[in-house]
Amino acid sequence: MSKIYKIFIHALPVLCMVALIPVVTNDYILTFIYIGIIILSMKIKREKGDLIVLSFGFIAMIVFEYLFVSTGVEVFIRNTLFGLMPLWLPFLWAYGFVAIKRGVKVLGE
């Protein structure tokens, strides 16, 4: 299996999550769908350190997105989390961190 294919497979859940943003306009439903995608992806394949990376990505991105929005660097129309950003955004970033970790591992093989 080629490295490009492996990286694509690891990125596929994130691509699906991004594709759902314009389709699912309710942030709460989209958040639950994202949680389902994350759980399913982790059940299909979970590597050592994935939960730590997922947790770090979730917390770090809440903090950084909060800073970006509060300083005016970013603006969101959908602001169901703290009145500043979409509720689903930290979940997307959190799994994005996992996909990046896995992609970097593939590149190092």
PDB file of N, CA and C in Angstrom:
ATOM      1  N   MET A   1       0.853  -1.174   0.000  1.00  0.00           N
ATOM      2  CA  MET A   1       0.000   0.000   0.000  1.00  0.00           C
ATOM      3  C   MET A   1       0.902   1.241   0.000  1.00  0.00           C
ATOM      4  N   SER A   2       0.620   2.176  -0.891  1.00  0.00           N
ATOM      5  CA  SER A   2       1.468   3.359  -1.004  1.00  0.00           C
ATOM      6  C   SER A   2       1.243   4.327   0.161  1.00  0.00           C
ATOM      7  N   LYS A   3       2.237   5.162   0.387  1.00  0.00           N
ATOM      8  CA  LYS A   3       2.142   6.144   1.462  1.00  0.00           C
ATOM      9  C   LYS A   3       1.010   7.135   1.193  1.00  0.00           C
ATOM     10  N   ILE A   4       0.850   7.527  -0.059  1.00  0.00           N
ATOM     11  CA  ILE A   4      -0.206   8.485  -0.399  1.00  0.00           C
ATOM     12  C   ILE A   4      -1.575   7.892  -0.070  1.00  0.00           C
ATOM     13  N   TYR A   5      -1.770   6.631  -0.398  1.00  0.00           N
ATOM     14  CA  TYR A   5      -3.039   5.963  -0.117  1.00  0.00           C
ATOM     15  C   TYR A   5      -3.280   5.882   1.394  1.00  0.00           C
ATOM     16  N   LYS A   6      -2.250   5.522   2.154  1.00  0.00           N
ATOM     17  CA  LYS A   6      -2.389   5.425   3.610  1.00  0.00           C
ATOM     18  C   LYS A   6      -2.745   6.782   4.219  1.00  0.00           C
ATOM     19  N   ILE A   7      -2.082   7.823   3.750  1.00  0.00           N
ATOM     20  CA  ILE A   7      -2.366   9.167   4.265  1.00  0.00           C
ATOM     21  C   ILE A   7      -3.790   9.575   3.905  1.00  0.00           C
ATOM     22  N   PHE A   8      -4.209   9.256   2.684  1.00  0.00           N
ATOM     23  CA  PHE A   8      -5.574   9.567   2.268  1.00  0.00           C
ATOM     24  C   PHE A   8      -6.588   8.857   3.156  1.00  0.00           C
ATOM     25  N   ILE A   9      -6.351   7.593   3.462  1.00  0.00           N
ATOM     26  CA  ILE A   9      -7.255   6.823   4.322  1.00  0.00           C
ATOM     27  C   ILE A   9      -7.351   7.459   5.712  1.00  0.00           C
ATOM     28  N   HIS A  10      -6.200   7.922   6.240  1.00  0.00           N
ATOM     29  CA  HIS A  10      -6.206   8.573   7.559  1.00  0.00           C
ATOM     30  C   HIS A  10      -6.928   9.925   7.513  1.00  0.00           C
ATOM     31  N   ALA A  11      -6.867  10.602   6.376  1.00  0.00           N
ATOM     32  CA  ALA A  11      -7.501  11.917   6.233  1.00  0.00           C
ATOM     33  C   ALA A  11      -8.984  11.821   5.874  1.00  0.00           C
ATOM     34  N   LEU A  12      -9.435  10.659   5.439  1.00  0.00           N
ATOM     35  CA  LEU A  12     -10.814  10.489   4.973  1.00  0.00           C
ATOM     36  C   LEU A  12     -11.881  10.921   5.988  1.00  0.00           C
ATOM     37  N   PRO A  13     -11.767  10.554   7.262  1.00  0.00           N
ATOM     38  CA  PRO A  13     -12.787  11.044   8.217  1.00  0.00           C
ATOM     39  C   PRO A  13     -12.829  12.568   8.296  1.00  0.00           C
ATOM     40  N   VAL A  14     -11.676  13.213   8.247  1.00  0.00           N
ATOM     41  CA  VAL A  14     -11.634  14.677   8.307  1.00  0.00           C
ATOM     42  C   VAL A  14     -12.277  15.267   7.052  1.00  0.00           C
ATOM     43  N   LEU A  15     -11.990  14.681   5.898  1.00  0.00           N
ATOM     44  CA  LEU A  15     -12.595  15.157   4.654  1.00  0.00           C
ATOM     45  C   LEU A  15     -14.116  15.020   4.702  1.00  0.00           C
ATOM     46  N   CYS A  16     -14.595  13.907   5.248  1.00  0.00           N
ATOM     47  CA  CYS A  16     -16.042  13.712   5.398  1.00  0.00           C
ATOM     48  C   CYS A  16     -16.631  14.750   6.354  1.00  0.00           C
ATOM     49  N   MET A  17     -15.935  15.008   7.441  1.00  0.00           N
ATOM     50  CA  MET A  17     -16.416  15.980   8.413  1.00  0.00           C
ATOM     51  C   MET A  17     -16.527  17.371   7.775  1.00  0.00           C
ATOM     52  N   VAL A  18     -15.519  17.757   7.020  1.00  0.00           N
ATOM     53  CA  VAL A  18     -15.535  19.063   6.362  1.00  0.00           C
ATOM     54  C   VAL A  18     -16.659  19.124   5.326  1.00  0.00           C
ATOM     55  N   ALA A  19     -16.857  18.038   4.600  1.00  0.00           N
ATOM     56  CA  ALA A  19     -17.912  17.998   3.582  1.00  0.00           C
ATOM     57  C   ALA A  19     -19.309  18.150   4.185  1.00  0.00           C
ATOM     58  N   LEU A  20     -19.475  17.750   5.433  1.00  0.00           N
ATOM     59  CA  LEU A  20     -20.778  17.840   6.095  1.00  0.00           C
ATOM     60  C   LEU A  20     -21.131  19.259   6.555  1.00  0.00           C
ATOM     61  N   ILE A  21     -20.161  20.136   6.666  1.00  0.00           N
ATOM     62  CA  ILE A  21     -20.409  21.481   7.216  1.00  0.00           C
ATOM     63  C   ILE A  21     -21.509  22.231   6.459  1.00  0.00           C
ATOM     64  N   PRO A  22     -21.467  22.320   5.128  1.00  0.00           N
ATOM     65  CA  PRO A  22     -22.552  23.047   4.456  1.00  0.00           C
ATOM     66  C   PRO A  22     -23.865  22.270   4.384  1.00  0.00           C
ATOM     67  N   VAL A  23     -23.810  20.969   4.592  1.00  0.00           N
ATOM     68  CA  VAL A  23     -24.997  20.123   4.472  1.00  0.00           C
ATOM     69  C   VAL A  23     -25.815  20.119   5.759  1.00  0.00           C
ATOM     70  N   VAL A  24     -25.139  20.010   6.900  1.00  0.00           N
ATOM     71  CA  VAL A  24     -25.811  19.953   8.207  1.00  0.00           C
ATOM     72  C   VAL A  24     -25.695  21.336   8.854  1.00  0.00           C
ATOM     73  N   THR A  25     -26.774  22.076   8.833  1.00  0.00           N
ATOM     74  CA  THR A  25     -26.712  23.462   9.317  1.00  0.00           C
ATOM     75  C   THR A  25     -26.951  23.599  10.816  1.00  0.00           C
ATOM     76  N   ASN A  26     -27.423  22.537  11.465  1.00  0.00           N
ATOM     77  CA  ASN A  26     -27.625  22.571  12.911  1.00  0.00           C
ATOM     78  C   ASN A  26     -26.324  22.143  13.593  1.00  0.00           C
ATOM     79  N   ASP A  27     -25.723  23.069  14.334  1.00  0.00           N
ATOM     80  CA  ASP A  27     -24.428  22.808  14.964  1.00  0.00           C
ATOM     81  C   ASP A  27     -24.470  21.658  15.963  1.00  0.00           C
ATOM     82  N   TYR A  28     -25.578  21.489  16.648  1.00  0.00           N
ATOM     83  CA  TYR A  28     -25.682  20.420  17.647  1.00  0.00           C
ATOM     84  C   TYR A  28     -25.734  19.053  16.969  1.00  0.00           C
ATOM     85  N   ILE A  29     -26.516  18.950  15.910  1.00  0.00           N
ATOM     86  CA  ILE A  29     -26.576  17.693  15.158  1.00  0.00           C
ATOM     87  C   ILE A  29     -25.223  17.392  14.532  1.00  0.00           C
ATOM     88  N   LEU A  30     -24.599  18.404  13.950  1.00  0.00           N
ATOM     89  CA  LEU A  30     -23.285  18.212  13.328  1.00  0.00           C
ATOM     90  C   LEU A  30     -22.250  17.770  14.361  1.00  0.00           C
ATOM     91  N   THR A  31     -22.313  18.318  15.554  1.00  0.00           N
ATOM     92  CA  THR A  31     -21.395  17.918  16.624  1.00  0.00           C
ATOM     93  C   THR A  31     -21.585  16.442  16.967  1.00  0.00           C
ATOM     94  N   PHE A  32     -22.832  15.995  17.089  1.00  0.00           N
ATOM     95  CA  PHE A  32     -23.087  14.581  17.385  1.00  0.00           C
ATOM     96  C   PHE A  32     -22.637  13.673  16.244  1.00  0.00           C
ATOM     97  N   ILE A  33     -22.799  14.129  15.012  1.00  0.00           N
ATOM     98  CA  ILE A  33     -22.302  13.363  13.863  1.00  0.00           C
ATOM     99  C   ILE A  33     -20.781  13.267  13.932  1.00  0.00           C
ATOM    100  N   TYR A  34     -20.116  14.367  14.251  1.00  0.00           N
ATOM    101  CA  TYR A  34     -18.649  14.367  14.380  1.00  0.00           C
ATOM    102  C   TYR A  34     -18.196  13.413  15.482  1.00  0.00           C
ATOM    103  N   ILE A  35     -18.891  13.433  16.609  1.00  0.00           N
ATOM    104  CA  ILE A  35     -18.543  12.519  17.707  1.00  0.00           C
ATOM    105  C   ILE A  35     -18.692  11.075  17.233  1.00  0.00           C
ATOM    106  N   GLY A  36     -19.747  10.800  16.487  1.00  0.00           N
ATOM    107  CA  GLY A  36     -19.942   9.462  15.933  1.00  0.00           C
ATOM    108  C   GLY A  36     -18.837   9.063  14.969  1.00  0.00           C
ATOM    109  N   ILE A  37     -18.435   9.979  14.103  1.00  0.00           N
ATOM    110  CA  ILE A  37     -17.340   9.707  13.159  1.00  0.00           C
ATOM    111  C   ILE A  37     -16.053   9.429  13.918  1.00  0.00           C
ATOM    112  N   ILE A  38     -15.785  10.212  14.944  1.00  0.00           N
ATOM    113  CA  ILE A  38     -14.567  10.025  15.736  1.00  0.00           C
ATOM    114  C   ILE A  38     -14.587   8.671  16.441  1.00  0.00           C
ATOM    115  N   ILE A  39     -15.706   8.337  17.073  1.00  0.00           N
ATOM    116  CA  ILE A  39     -15.815   7.043  17.772  1.00  0.00           C
ATOM    117  C   ILE A  39     -15.650   5.895  16.782  1.00  0.00           C
ATOM    118  N   LEU A  40     -16.333   5.972  15.657  1.00  0.00           N
ATOM    119  CA  LEU A  40     -16.233   4.912  14.645  1.00  0.00           C
ATOM    120  C   LEU A  40     -14.807   4.793  14.117  1.00  0.00           C
ATOM    121  N   SER A  41     -14.184   5.913  13.824  1.00  0.00           N
ATOM    122  CA  SER A  41     -12.805   5.898  13.321  1.00  0.00           C
ATOM    123  C   SER A  41     -11.842   5.302  14.334  1.00  0.00           C
ATOM    124  N   MET A  42     -12.050   5.627  15.605  1.00  0.00           N
ATOM    125  CA  MET A  42     -11.180   5.087  16.656  1.00  0.00           C
ATOM    126  C   MET A  42     -11.443   3.600  16.895  1.00  0.00           C
ATOM    127  N   LYS A  43     -12.684   3.144  16.665  1.00  0.00           N
ATOM    128  CA  LYS A  43     -12.978   1.717  16.802  1.00  0.00           C
ATOM    129  C   LYS A  43     -12.365   0.924  15.648  1.00  0.00           C
ATOM    130  N   ILE A  44     -12.382   1.513  14.458  1.00  0.00           N
ATOM    131  CA  ILE A  44     -11.797   0.840  13.295  1.00  0.00           C
ATOM    132  C   ILE A  44     -10.286   0.725  13.454  1.00  0.00           C
ATOM    133  N   LYS A  45      -9.665   1.822  13.869  1.00  0.00           N
ATOM    134  CA  LYS A  45      -8.218   1.789  14.068  1.00  0.00           C
ATOM    135  C   LYS A  45      -7.843   2.803  15.137  1.00  0.00           C
ATOM    136  N   ARG A  46      -7.231   2.295  16.189  1.00  0.00           N
ATOM    137  CA  ARG A  46      -6.733   3.179  17.252  1.00  0.00           C
ATOM    138  C   ARG A  46      -5.281   2.850  17.489  1.00  0.00           C
ATOM    139  N   GLU A  47      -4.463   3.874  17.377  1.00  0.00           N
ATOM    140  CA  GLU A  47      -3.029   3.707  17.584  1.00  0.00           C
ATOM    141  C   GLU A  47      -2.655   4.274  18.948  1.00  0.00           C
ATOM    142  N   LYS A  48      -1.508   3.858  19.406  1.00  0.00           N
ATOM    143  CA  LYS A  48      -0.988   4.352  20.678  1.00  0.00           C
ATOM    144  C   LYS A  48      -0.864   5.878  20.604  1.00  0.00           C
ATOM    145  N   GLY A  49      -1.359   6.544  21.621  1.00  0.00           N
ATOM    146  CA  GLY A  49      -1.250   7.991  21.708  1.00  0.00           C
ATOM    147  C   GLY A  49      -2.387   8.756  21.045  1.00  0.00           C
ATOM    148  N   ASP A  50      -3.302   8.056  20.357  1.00  0.00           N
ATOM    149  CA  ASP A  50      -4.393   8.748  19.673  1.00  0.00           C
ATOM    150  C   ASP A  50      -5.292   9.531  20.628  1.00  0.00           C
ATOM    151  N   LEU A  51      -5.636   8.946  21.767  1.00  0.00           N
ATOM    152  CA  LEU A  51      -6.529   9.632  22.698  1.00  0.00           C
ATOM    153  C   LEU A  51      -5.870  10.858  23.314  1.00  0.00           C
ATOM    154  N   ILE A  52      -4.579  10.788  23.557  1.00  0.00           N
ATOM    155  CA  ILE A  52      -3.860  11.950  24.092  1.00  0.00           C
ATOM    156  C   ILE A  52      -3.829  13.066  23.059  1.00  0.00           C
ATOM    157  N   VAL A  53      -3.536  12.702  21.814  1.00  0.00           N
ATOM    158  CA  VAL A  53      -3.492  13.698  20.731  1.00  0.00           C
ATOM    159  C   VAL A  53      -4.886  14.285  20.508  1.00  0.00           C
ATOM    160  N   LEU A  54      -5.905  13.435  20.539  1.00  0.00           N
ATOM    161  CA  LEU A  54      -7.288  13.897  20.373  1.00  0.00           C
ATOM    162  C   LEU A  54      -7.651  14.894  21.475  1.00  0.00           C
ATOM    163  N   SER A  55      -7.340  14.551  22.710  1.00  0.00           N
ATOM    164  CA  SER A  55      -7.641  15.427  23.850  1.00  0.00           C
ATOM    165  C   SER A  55      -6.865  16.738  23.764  1.00  0.00           C
ATOM    166  N   PHE A  56      -5.578  16.634  23.441  1.00  0.00           N
ATOM    167  CA  PHE A  56      -4.763  17.844  23.314  1.00  0.00           C
ATOM    168  C   PHE A  56      -5.308  18.747  22.216  1.00  0.00           C
ATOM    169  N   GLY A  57      -5.620  18.150  21.058  1.00  0.00           N
ATOM    170  CA  GLY A  57      -6.149  18.934  19.944  1.00  0.00           C
ATOM    171  C   GLY A  57      -7.453  19.612  20.302  1.00  0.00           C
ATOM    172  N   PHE A  58      -8.311  18.915  21.024  1.00  0.00           N
ATOM    173  CA  PHE A  58      -9.597  19.478  21.428  1.00  0.00           C
ATOM    174  C   PHE A  58      -9.407  20.691  22.333  1.00  0.00           C
ATOM    175  N   ILE A  59      -8.620  20.520  23.373  1.00  0.00           N
ATOM    176  CA  ILE A  59      -8.411  21.614  24.334  1.00  0.00           C
ATOM    177  C   ILE A  59      -7.620  22.766  23.717  1.00  0.00           C
ATOM    178  N   ALA A  60      -6.533  22.429  23.033  1.00  0.00           N
ATOM    179  CA  ALA A  60      -5.690  23.478  22.439  1.00  0.00           C
ATOM    180  C   ALA A  60      -6.468  24.310  21.430  1.00  0.00           C
ATOM    181  N   MET A  61      -7.282  23.663  20.620  1.00  0.00           N
ATOM    182  CA  MET A  61      -7.992  24.423  19.596  1.00  0.00           C
ATOM    183  C   MET A  61      -9.125  25.260  20.163  1.00  0.00           C
ATOM    184  N   ILE A  62      -9.716  24.847  21.257  1.00  0.00           N
ATOM    185  CA  ILE A  62     -10.694  25.727  21.911  1.00  0.00           C
ATOM    186  C   ILE A  62      -9.988  27.003  22.358  1.00  0.00           C
ATOM    187  N   VAL A  63      -8.835  26.836  22.993  1.00  0.00           N
ATOM    188  CA  VAL A  63      -8.079  27.995  23.481  1.00  0.00           C
ATOM    189  C   VAL A  63      -7.638  28.893  22.327  1.00  0.00           C
ATOM    190  N   PHE A  64      -7.024  28.304  21.297  1.00  0.00           N
ATOM    191  CA  PHE A  64      -6.503  29.110  20.197  1.00  0.00           C
ATOM    192  C   PHE A  64      -7.617  29.737  19.363  1.00  0.00           C
ATOM    193  N   GLU A  65      -8.681  28.995  19.092  1.00  0.00           N
ATOM    194  CA  GLU A  65      -9.797  29.587  18.348  1.00  0.00           C
ATOM    195  C   GLU A  65     -10.424  30.722  19.161  1.00  0.00           C
ATOM    196  N   TYR A  66     -10.531  30.541  20.472  1.00  0.00           N
ATOM    197  CA  TYR A  66     -11.047  31.604  21.322  1.00  0.00           C
ATOM    198  C   TYR A  66     -10.179  32.862  21.190  1.00  0.00           C
ATOM    199  N   LEU A  67      -8.860  32.669  21.225  1.00  0.00           N
ATOM    200  CA  LEU A  67      -7.953  33.821  21.070  1.00  0.00           C
ATOM    201  C   LEU A  67      -8.081  34.463  19.691  1.00  0.00           C
ATOM    202  N   PHE A  68      -8.151  33.637  18.648  1.00  0.00           N
ATOM    203  CA  PHE A  68      -8.269  34.171  17.288  1.00  0.00           C
ATOM    204  C   PHE A  68      -9.552  34.971  17.118  1.00  0.00           C
ATOM    205  N   VAL A  69     -10.655  34.438  17.626  1.00  0.00           N
ATOM    206  CA  VAL A  69     -11.937  35.112  17.470  1.00  0.00           C
ATOM    207  C   VAL A  69     -11.986  36.376  18.330  1.00  0.00           C
ATOM    208  N   SER A  70     -11.497  36.294  19.558  1.00  0.00           N
ATOM    209  CA  SER A  70     -11.561  37.453  20.450  1.00  0.00           C
ATOM    210  C   SER A  70     -10.651  38.591  20.011  1.00  0.00           C
ATOM    211  N   THR A  71      -9.624  38.293  19.221  1.00  0.00           N
ATOM    212  CA  THR A  71      -8.749  39.360  18.706  1.00  0.00           C
ATOM    213  C   THR A  71      -9.169  39.830  17.315  1.00  0.00           C
ATOM    214  N   GLY A  72     -10.200  39.183  16.764  1.00  0.00           N
ATOM    215  CA  GLY A  72     -10.698  39.604  15.462  1.00  0.00           C
ATOM    216  C   GLY A  72     -10.003  38.956  14.278  1.00  0.00           C
ATOM    217  N   VAL A  73      -9.093  38.025  14.524  1.00  0.00           N
ATOM    218  CA  VAL A  73      -8.384  37.341  13.446  1.00  0.00           C
ATOM    219  C   VAL A  73      -9.347  36.458  12.659  1.00  0.00           C
ATOM    220  N   GLU A  74     -10.295  35.847  13.359  1.00  0.00           N
ATOM    221  CA  GLU A  74     -11.309  35.004  12.736  1.00  0.00           C
ATOM    222  C   GLU A  74     -12.693  35.471  13.171  1.00  0.00           C
ATOM    223  N   VAL A  75     -13.649  35.241  12.281  1.00  0.00           N
ATOM    224  CA  VAL A  75     -15.038  35.547  12.595  1.00  0.00           C
ATOM    225  C   VAL A  75     -15.887  34.380  12.112  1.00  0.00           C
ATOM    226  N   PHE A  76     -16.784  33.909  12.961  1.00  0.00           N
ATOM    227  CA  PHE A  76     -17.683  32.822  12.591  1.00  0.00           C
ATOM    228  C   PHE A  76     -19.118  33.306  12.644  1.00  0.00           C
ATOM    229  N   ILE A  77     -19.894  32.905  11.669  1.00  0.00           N
ATOM    230  CA  ILE A  77     -21.320  33.191  11.676  1.00  0.00           C
ATOM    231  C   ILE A  77     -22.017  32.227  12.627  1.00  0.00           C
ATOM    232  N   ARG A  78     -21.546  30.987  12.629  1.00  0.00           N
ATOM    233  CA  ARG A  78     -22.083  29.958  13.518  1.00  0.00           C
ATOM    234  C   ARG A  78     -21.286  30.027  14.824  1.00  0.00           C
ATOM    235  N   ASN A  79     -21.944  30.416  15.905  1.00  0.00           N
ATOM    236  CA  ASN A  79     -21.212  30.654  17.156  1.00  0.00           C
ATOM    237  C   ASN A  79     -21.902  30.023  18.368  1.00  0.00           C
ATOM    238  N   THR A  80     -22.070  28.714  18.319  1.00  0.00           N
ATOM    239  CA  THR A  80     -22.776  28.008  19.388  1.00  0.00           C
ATOM    240  C   THR A  80     -21.885  27.633  20.573  1.00  0.00           C
ATOM    241  N   LEU A  81     -20.584  27.825  20.472  1.00  0.00           N
ATOM    242  CA  LEU A  81     -19.676  27.537  21.587  1.00  0.00           C
ATOM    243  C   LEU A  81     -19.139  28.853  22.127  1.00  0.00           C
ATOM    244  N   PHE A  82     -19.509  29.190  23.328  1.00  0.00           N
ATOM    245  CA  PHE A  82     -19.103  30.435  24.003  1.00  0.00           C
ATOM    246  C   PHE A  82     -19.548  31.684  23.251  1.00  0.00           C
ATOM    247  N   GLY A  83     -20.481  31.538  22.324  1.00  0.00           N
ATOM    248  CA  GLY A  83     -20.928  32.680  21.524  1.00  0.00           C
ATOM    249  C   GLY A  83     -19.879  33.164  20.542  1.00  0.00           C
ATOM    250  N   LEU A  84     -18.844  32.353  20.314  1.00  0.00           N
ATOM    251  CA  LEU A  84     -17.730  32.791  19.476  1.00  0.00           C
ATOM    252  C   LEU A  84     -17.452  31.901  18.262  1.00  0.00           C
ATOM    253  N   MET A  85     -17.699  30.611  18.408  1.00  0.00           N
ATOM    254  CA  MET A  85     -17.310  29.675  17.356  1.00  0.00           C
ATOM    255  C   MET A  85     -18.317  28.535  17.304  1.00  0.00           C
ATOM    256  N   PRO A  86     -18.308  27.774  16.218  1.00  0.00           N
ATOM    257  CA  PRO A  86     -19.221  26.628  16.144  1.00  0.00           C
ATOM    258  C   PRO A  86     -18.845  25.547  17.163  1.00  0.00           C
ATOM    259  N   LEU A  87     -19.847  24.922  17.724  1.00  0.00           N
ATOM    260  CA  LEU A  87     -19.642  23.859  18.713  1.00  0.00           C
ATOM    261  C   LEU A  87     -18.831  22.699  18.139  1.00  0.00           C
ATOM    262  N   TRP A  88     -19.017  22.401  16.866  1.00  0.00           N
ATOM    263  CA  TRP A  88     -18.359  21.258  16.233  1.00  0.00           C
ATOM    264  C   TRP A  88     -16.889  21.506  15.915  1.00  0.00           C
ATOM    265  N   LEU A  89     -16.449  22.744  15.885  1.00  0.00           N
ATOM    266  CA  LEU A  89     -15.092  23.077  15.437  1.00  0.00           C
ATOM    267  C   LEU A  89     -13.984  22.397  16.242  1.00  0.00           C
ATOM    268  N   PRO A  90     -14.016  22.404  17.575  1.00  0.00           N
ATOM    269  CA  PRO A  90     -12.953  21.713  18.317  1.00  0.00           C
ATOM    270  C   PRO A  90     -12.906  20.204  18.052  1.00  0.00           C
ATOM    271  N   PHE A  91     -14.053  19.604  17.770  1.00  0.00           N
ATOM    272  CA  PHE A  91     -14.081  18.175  17.445  1.00  0.00           C
ATOM    273  C   PHE A  91     -13.412  17.913  16.100  1.00  0.00           C
ATOM    274  N   LEU A  92     -13.681  18.789  15.134  1.00  0.00           N
ATOM    275  CA  LEU A  92     -13.030  18.676  13.827  1.00  0.00           C
ATOM    276  C   LEU A  92     -11.519  18.816  13.972  1.00  0.00           C
ATOM    277  N   TRP A  93     -11.088  19.830  14.689  1.00  0.00           N
ATOM    278  CA  TRP A  93      -9.653  20.036  14.903  1.00  0.00           C
ATOM    279  C   TRP A  93      -9.031  18.884  15.681  1.00  0.00           C
ATOM    280  N   ALA A  94      -9.730  18.402  16.687  1.00  0.00           N
ATOM    281  CA  ALA A  94      -9.190  17.313  17.519  1.00  0.00           C
ATOM    282  C   ALA A  94      -8.898  16.091  16.663  1.00  0.00           C
ATOM    283  N   TYR A  95      -9.851  15.692  15.826  1.00  0.00           N
ATOM    284  CA  TYR A  95      -9.580  14.531  14.983  1.00  0.00           C
ATOM    285  C   TYR A  95      -8.581  14.877  13.884  1.00  0.00           C
ATOM    286  N   GLY A  96      -8.554  16.124  13.476  1.00  0.00           N
ATOM    287  CA  GLY A  96      -7.532  16.562  12.520  1.00  0.00           C
ATOM    288  C   GLY A  96      -6.133  16.347  13.083  1.00  0.00           C
ATOM    289  N   PHE A  97      -5.955  16.604  14.357  1.00  0.00           N
ATOM    290  CA  PHE A  97      -4.665  16.359  15.010  1.00  0.00           C
ATOM    291  C   PHE A  97      -4.296  14.878  14.923  1.00  0.00           C
ATOM    292  N   VAL A  98      -5.278  14.004  15.152  1.00  0.00           N
ATOM    293  CA  VAL A  98      -5.031  12.561  15.077  1.00  0.00           C
ATOM    294  C   VAL A  98      -4.627  12.176  13.651  1.00  0.00           C
ATOM    295  N   ALA A  99      -5.350  12.701  12.664  1.00  0.00           N
ATOM    296  CA  ALA A  99      -5.032  12.394  11.259  1.00  0.00           C
ATOM    297  C   ALA A  99      -3.627  12.877  10.890  1.00  0.00           C
ATOM    298  N   ILE A 100      -3.264  14.048  11.389  1.00  0.00           N
ATOM    299  CA  ILE A 100      -1.923  14.581  11.120  1.00  0.00           C
ATOM    300  C   ILE A 100      -0.861  13.692  11.769  1.00  0.00           C
ATOM    301  N   LYS A 101      -1.107  13.287  13.012  1.00  0.00           N
ATOM    302  CA  LYS A 101      -0.168  12.404  13.720  1.00  0.00           C
ATOM    303  C   LYS A 101       0.039  11.113  12.934  1.00  0.00           C
ATOM    304  N   ARG A 102      -1.059  10.553  12.469  1.00  0.00           N
ATOM    305  CA  ARG A 102      -0.964   9.305  11.708  1.00  0.00           C
ATOM    306  C   ARG A 102      -0.263   9.514  10.368  1.00  0.00           C
ATOM    307  N   GLY A 103      -0.553  10.630   9.714  1.00  0.00           N
ATOM    308  CA  GLY A 103       0.100  10.943   8.451  1.00  0.00           C
ATOM    309  C   GLY A 103       1.599  11.118   8.595  1.00  0.00           C
ATOM    310  N   VAL A 104       2.001  11.789   9.642  1.00  0.00           N
ATOM    311  CA  VAL A 104       3.439  11.964   9.904  1.00  0.00           C
ATOM    312  C   VAL A 104       4.099  10.623  10.162  1.00  0.00           C
ATOM    313  N   LYS A 105       3.403   9.747  10.870  1.00  0.00           N
ATOM    314  CA  LYS A 105       3.941   8.392  11.138  1.00  0.00           C
ATOM    315  C   LYS A 105       4.131   7.648   9.826  1.00  0.00           C
ATOM    316  N   VAL A 106       3.172   7.742   8.916  1.00  0.00           N
ATOM    317  CA  VAL A 106       3.279   7.085   7.609  1.00  0.00           C
ATOM    318  C   VAL A 106       4.469   7.639   6.834  1.00  0.00           C
ATOM    319  N   LEU A 107       4.657   8.934   6.870  1.00  0.00           N
ATOM    320  CA  LEU A 107       5.788   9.541   6.154  1.00  0.00           C
ATOM    321  C   LEU A 107       7.131   9.079   6.708  1.00  0.00           C
ATOM    322  N   GLY A 108       7.153   8.773   8.001  1.00  0.00           N
ATOM    323  CA  GLY A 108       8.386   8.313   8.631  1.00  0.00           C
ATOM    324  C   GLY A 108       8.684   6.840   8.421  1.00  0.00           C
ATOM    325  N   GLU A 109       7.764   6.099   7.835  1.00  0.00           N
ATOM    326  CA  GLU A 109       7.976   4.639   7.628  1.00  0.00           C
ATOM    327  C   GLU A 109       8.971   4.385   6.522  1.00  0.00           C
TER     328      GLU A 109
END
